[in-house]
N, C-alpha and C. Protein backbone atom coordinates (compact mmCIF):
# COMPACT_ATOMS: atom_id res chain seq x y z
N UNK A 1 93.02 159.32 196.76
CA UNK A 1 92.34 158.12 196.45
C UNK A 1 93.37 157.00 196.19
N UNK A 2 93.09 155.82 196.72
CA UNK A 2 93.93 154.68 196.48
C UNK A 2 93.32 153.77 195.42
N UNK A 3 94.14 153.14 194.61
CA UNK A 3 93.63 152.17 193.69
C UNK A 3 93.23 150.92 194.48
N UNK A 4 92.17 150.25 193.98
CA UNK A 4 91.72 148.99 194.64
C UNK A 4 91.55 147.86 193.70
N UNK A 5 91.84 148.03 192.42
CA UNK A 5 91.72 147.00 191.46
C UNK A 5 90.42 146.98 190.69
N UNK A 6 89.49 147.82 191.05
CA UNK A 6 88.17 147.90 190.44
C UNK A 6 88.07 149.09 189.47
N UNK A 7 89.10 149.78 189.24
CA UNK A 7 89.08 150.99 188.40
C UNK A 7 88.75 150.63 186.92
N UNK A 8 88.12 151.52 186.27
CA UNK A 8 87.71 151.28 184.89
C UNK A 8 86.16 151.10 184.84
N UNK A 9 85.62 151.25 183.66
CA UNK A 9 84.15 151.14 183.52
C UNK A 9 83.85 150.29 182.31
N UNK A 10 82.93 149.39 182.46
CA UNK A 10 82.45 148.64 181.35
C UNK A 10 81.58 149.55 180.47
N UNK A 11 81.79 149.61 179.21
CA UNK A 11 81.03 150.45 178.29
C UNK A 11 80.32 149.59 177.27
N UNK A 12 79.36 150.20 176.57
CA UNK A 12 78.62 149.47 175.55
C UNK A 12 79.46 149.37 174.28
N UNK A 13 79.15 148.38 173.47
CA UNK A 13 79.80 148.27 172.17
C UNK A 13 79.50 149.50 171.33
N UNK A 14 78.28 150.07 171.44
CA UNK A 14 77.95 151.27 170.69
C UNK A 14 78.87 152.43 171.05
N UNK A 15 79.11 152.66 172.30
CA UNK A 15 80.04 153.69 172.72
C UNK A 15 81.50 153.44 172.29
N UNK A 16 81.92 152.22 172.55
CA UNK A 16 83.28 151.88 172.14
C UNK A 16 83.48 152.00 170.61
N UNK A 17 82.51 151.57 169.84
CA UNK A 17 82.57 151.68 168.43
C UNK A 17 82.65 153.16 167.96
N UNK A 18 81.85 154.05 168.55
CA UNK A 18 81.84 155.42 168.23
C UNK A 18 83.23 156.04 168.54
N UNK A 19 83.79 155.70 169.71
CA UNK A 19 85.04 156.34 170.09
C UNK A 19 86.23 155.80 169.20
N UNK A 20 86.20 154.56 168.85
CA UNK A 20 87.30 154.08 167.98
C UNK A 20 87.11 154.63 166.59
N UNK A 21 85.87 154.84 166.13
CA UNK A 21 85.60 155.44 164.83
C UNK A 21 86.12 156.89 164.89
N UNK A 22 85.90 157.60 165.93
CA UNK A 22 86.39 158.98 166.04
C UNK A 22 87.92 159.02 165.90
N UNK A 23 88.58 158.07 166.53
CA UNK A 23 90.03 157.98 166.40
C UNK A 23 90.45 157.77 164.99
N UNK A 24 89.81 156.77 164.27
CA UNK A 24 90.18 156.49 162.92
C UNK A 24 89.95 157.65 162.03
N UNK A 25 88.86 158.44 162.25
CA UNK A 25 88.56 159.62 161.42
C UNK A 25 89.61 160.67 161.63
N UNK A 26 90.17 160.77 162.87
CA UNK A 26 91.12 161.84 163.21
C UNK A 26 92.57 161.50 162.83
N UNK A 27 92.76 160.24 162.35
CA UNK A 27 94.11 159.78 162.03
C UNK A 27 94.20 159.17 160.62
N UNK A 28 95.32 159.25 160.02
CA UNK A 28 95.49 158.74 158.66
C UNK A 28 95.23 157.20 158.64
N UNK A 29 94.88 156.73 157.48
CA UNK A 29 94.47 155.34 157.26
C UNK A 29 95.65 154.37 157.54
N UNK A 30 96.89 154.76 157.48
CA UNK A 30 98.01 153.90 157.77
C UNK A 30 98.39 153.94 159.21
N UNK A 31 97.64 154.62 160.04
CA UNK A 31 97.94 154.74 161.47
C UNK A 31 97.66 153.41 162.21
N UNK A 32 98.47 153.10 163.20
CA UNK A 32 98.19 152.01 164.11
C UNK A 32 96.94 152.37 164.88
N UNK A 33 95.95 151.46 164.88
CA UNK A 33 94.69 151.72 165.60
C UNK A 33 94.47 150.89 166.87
N UNK A 34 95.36 149.94 167.10
CA UNK A 34 95.27 149.08 168.28
C UNK A 34 96.53 148.33 168.45
N UNK A 35 96.72 147.78 169.63
CA UNK A 35 97.87 146.95 169.93
C UNK A 35 97.44 145.78 170.80
N UNK A 36 98.13 144.67 170.60
CA UNK A 36 97.75 143.43 171.30
C UNK A 36 98.88 142.91 172.17
N UNK A 37 98.61 142.68 173.50
CA UNK A 37 99.50 142.02 174.40
C UNK A 37 98.86 140.66 174.75
N UNK A 38 99.68 139.59 174.79
CA UNK A 38 99.19 138.28 175.16
C UNK A 38 98.88 138.19 176.65
N UNK A 39 97.93 137.33 176.98
CA UNK A 39 97.51 137.11 178.32
C UNK A 39 98.66 136.72 179.26
N UNK A 40 99.53 135.88 178.81
CA UNK A 40 100.67 135.46 179.71
C UNK A 40 101.56 136.62 180.06
N UNK A 41 101.81 137.52 179.12
CA UNK A 41 102.62 138.67 179.37
C UNK A 41 101.92 139.63 180.36
N UNK A 42 100.58 139.86 180.17
CA UNK A 42 99.86 140.70 181.08
C UNK A 42 99.83 140.09 182.47
N UNK A 43 99.63 138.79 182.54
CA UNK A 43 99.64 138.16 183.89
C UNK A 43 100.92 138.28 184.60
N UNK A 44 102.06 138.39 183.88
CA UNK A 44 103.36 138.59 184.56
C UNK A 44 103.36 139.91 185.27
N UNK A 45 102.67 140.89 184.74
CA UNK A 45 102.56 142.20 185.43
C UNK A 45 101.61 142.02 186.61
N UNK A 46 100.42 141.53 186.31
CA UNK A 46 99.38 141.49 187.34
C UNK A 46 99.77 140.61 188.49
N UNK A 47 100.58 139.53 188.28
CA UNK A 47 100.90 138.64 189.37
C UNK A 47 102.02 139.17 190.25
N UNK A 48 102.58 140.34 189.96
CA UNK A 48 103.65 140.88 190.83
C UNK A 48 103.01 141.22 192.18
N UNK A 49 103.78 141.08 193.23
CA UNK A 49 103.32 141.39 194.59
C UNK A 49 103.03 142.88 194.64
N UNK A 50 101.84 143.21 195.11
CA UNK A 50 101.39 144.59 195.31
C UNK A 50 100.73 145.22 194.10
N UNK A 51 100.68 144.49 192.95
CA UNK A 51 100.05 145.03 191.79
C UNK A 51 98.51 144.95 191.83
N UNK A 52 97.87 146.06 191.52
CA UNK A 52 96.39 146.05 191.54
C UNK A 52 95.82 146.40 190.11
N UNK A 53 96.69 146.61 189.14
CA UNK A 53 96.26 146.91 187.83
C UNK A 53 97.43 147.30 186.91
N UNK A 54 97.07 147.68 185.70
CA UNK A 54 98.10 148.01 184.74
C UNK A 54 97.84 149.42 184.18
N UNK A 55 98.91 150.20 184.17
CA UNK A 55 98.82 151.51 183.53
C UNK A 55 99.43 151.37 182.15
N UNK A 56 98.79 152.02 181.14
CA UNK A 56 99.26 152.00 179.77
C UNK A 56 99.67 153.38 179.40
N UNK A 57 100.96 153.50 178.94
CA UNK A 57 101.48 154.75 178.48
C UNK A 57 101.52 154.73 176.95
N UNK A 58 101.28 155.85 176.29
CA UNK A 58 101.46 156.02 174.88
C UNK A 58 102.92 156.42 174.70
N UNK A 59 103.55 155.86 173.71
CA UNK A 59 104.95 156.20 173.42
C UNK A 59 105.20 156.21 171.94
N UNK A 60 106.39 156.60 171.59
CA UNK A 60 106.94 156.50 170.22
C UNK A 60 108.27 155.88 170.32
N UNK A 61 108.46 154.79 169.63
CA UNK A 61 109.69 154.01 169.66
C UNK A 61 110.79 154.75 168.90
N UNK A 62 112.01 154.25 169.10
CA UNK A 62 113.15 154.87 168.41
C UNK A 62 112.99 154.79 166.92
N UNK A 63 112.10 153.93 166.41
CA UNK A 63 111.87 153.82 164.97
C UNK A 63 110.77 154.80 164.56
N UNK A 64 110.24 155.65 165.49
CA UNK A 64 109.23 156.62 165.14
C UNK A 64 107.76 156.09 165.10
N UNK A 65 107.63 154.77 165.45
CA UNK A 65 106.28 154.14 165.39
C UNK A 65 105.64 154.28 166.83
N UNK A 66 104.32 154.64 166.79
CA UNK A 66 103.61 154.63 168.11
C UNK A 66 103.59 153.32 168.77
N UNK A 67 103.67 153.29 170.07
CA UNK A 67 103.60 152.08 170.83
C UNK A 67 102.89 152.29 172.13
N UNK A 68 102.66 151.23 172.83
CA UNK A 68 102.08 151.25 174.19
C UNK A 68 103.04 150.61 175.15
N UNK A 69 103.29 151.26 176.24
CA UNK A 69 104.14 150.73 177.29
C UNK A 69 103.24 150.35 178.51
N UNK A 70 103.32 149.16 179.00
CA UNK A 70 102.46 148.68 180.06
C UNK A 70 103.31 148.45 181.30
N UNK A 71 102.84 148.94 182.43
CA UNK A 71 103.56 148.78 183.67
C UNK A 71 102.53 148.55 184.81
N UNK A 72 102.85 147.74 185.78
CA UNK A 72 102.00 147.46 186.91
C UNK A 72 101.85 148.74 187.79
N UNK A 73 100.70 148.84 188.43
CA UNK A 73 100.47 149.94 189.35
C UNK A 73 100.06 149.40 190.71
N UNK A 74 100.47 150.07 191.74
CA UNK A 74 100.19 149.63 193.13
C UNK A 74 99.00 150.46 193.64
N UNK A 75 98.51 150.05 194.81
CA UNK A 75 97.29 150.69 195.37
C UNK A 75 97.53 152.09 195.69
N UNK A 76 98.80 152.54 195.88
CA UNK A 76 99.05 153.96 196.12
C UNK A 76 99.18 154.80 194.81
N UNK A 77 98.75 154.19 193.76
CA UNK A 77 98.70 154.83 192.38
C UNK A 77 100.04 155.02 191.72
N UNK A 78 101.03 154.34 192.30
CA UNK A 78 102.42 154.49 191.74
C UNK A 78 102.73 153.37 190.75
N UNK A 79 103.53 153.74 189.72
CA UNK A 79 103.99 152.72 188.78
C UNK A 79 105.01 151.84 189.49
N UNK A 80 104.95 150.52 189.10
CA UNK A 80 105.93 149.60 189.68
C UNK A 80 107.08 149.56 188.65
N UNK A 81 107.84 150.69 188.63
CA UNK A 81 108.88 150.86 187.66
C UNK A 81 110.04 149.91 187.78
N UNK A 82 110.21 149.30 188.90
CA UNK A 82 111.27 148.29 189.10
C UNK A 82 110.78 146.92 188.81
N UNK A 83 109.52 146.75 188.33
CA UNK A 83 108.99 145.47 187.98
C UNK A 83 109.01 145.21 186.51
N UNK A 84 108.08 144.40 186.05
CA UNK A 84 107.97 144.03 184.65
C UNK A 84 107.28 145.18 183.91
N UNK A 85 107.94 145.55 182.74
CA UNK A 85 107.35 146.58 181.92
C UNK A 85 107.31 145.97 180.47
N UNK A 86 106.12 146.13 179.86
CA UNK A 86 105.93 145.51 178.53
C UNK A 86 105.87 146.56 177.45
N UNK A 87 106.37 146.15 176.28
CA UNK A 87 106.26 146.91 175.04
C UNK A 87 106.36 145.90 173.96
N UNK A 88 106.52 146.27 172.76
CA UNK A 88 106.59 145.35 171.60
C UNK A 88 105.33 144.59 171.44
N UNK A 89 104.16 145.30 171.62
CA UNK A 89 102.88 144.72 171.36
C UNK A 89 102.76 144.51 169.88
N UNK A 90 101.79 143.71 169.50
CA UNK A 90 101.54 143.44 168.08
C UNK A 90 100.53 144.50 167.56
N UNK A 91 100.99 145.42 166.69
CA UNK A 91 100.10 146.51 166.23
C UNK A 91 99.07 146.05 165.22
N UNK A 92 97.92 146.74 165.30
CA UNK A 92 96.90 146.58 164.26
C UNK A 92 96.96 147.82 163.41
N UNK A 93 97.45 147.72 162.53
CA UNK A 93 97.86 147.18 161.31
C UNK A 93 99.25 146.71 161.49
N UNK A 94 99.64 145.51 161.16
CA UNK A 94 98.91 144.54 160.32
C UNK A 94 98.18 143.46 161.06
N UNK A 95 98.37 143.37 162.41
CA UNK A 95 97.83 142.21 163.19
C UNK A 95 96.45 142.62 163.78
N UNK A 96 95.46 142.73 162.85
CA UNK A 96 94.13 143.18 163.21
C UNK A 96 93.14 141.99 163.32
N UNK A 97 92.10 142.25 164.01
CA UNK A 97 90.96 141.36 164.03
C UNK A 97 90.23 141.43 162.67
N UNK A 98 89.42 140.43 162.37
CA UNK A 98 88.57 140.63 161.20
C UNK A 98 87.76 141.86 161.41
N UNK A 99 87.29 142.47 160.27
CA UNK A 99 86.51 143.67 160.38
C UNK A 99 85.28 143.61 161.33
N UNK A 100 85.17 144.60 162.14
CA UNK A 100 84.07 144.65 163.08
C UNK A 100 83.80 146.12 163.40
N UNK A 101 82.84 146.41 164.31
CA UNK A 101 82.45 147.78 164.61
C UNK A 101 83.50 148.57 165.38
N UNK A 102 84.49 147.87 165.91
CA UNK A 102 85.59 148.53 166.65
C UNK A 102 86.74 148.96 165.73
N UNK A 103 86.91 148.28 164.60
CA UNK A 103 88.09 148.61 163.77
C UNK A 103 87.80 148.94 162.33
N UNK A 104 86.55 149.00 161.92
CA UNK A 104 86.25 149.33 160.51
C UNK A 104 85.21 150.37 160.36
């Protein structure tokens, strides 16, 4: 299968809320529950020649804190490892949205 840029599925708020609640229940209260990347940084990845989407990897930094690594992916499902790779997202906690059904 080749990637075409349409991968992923829109889900309901009810489903997304249930899944994020499941994560919060399974992890301690001081755990990072989300991370934020700015639009301009994501567009740097998406605007690379041959990029059809972004793959997100879970990682643990040298400081022991969970993080997300974002890298472009091409239509042949390969990471664009010689392109732009993002990390240093803003973690929720402490950079969270106001309380809502996805985070509380």
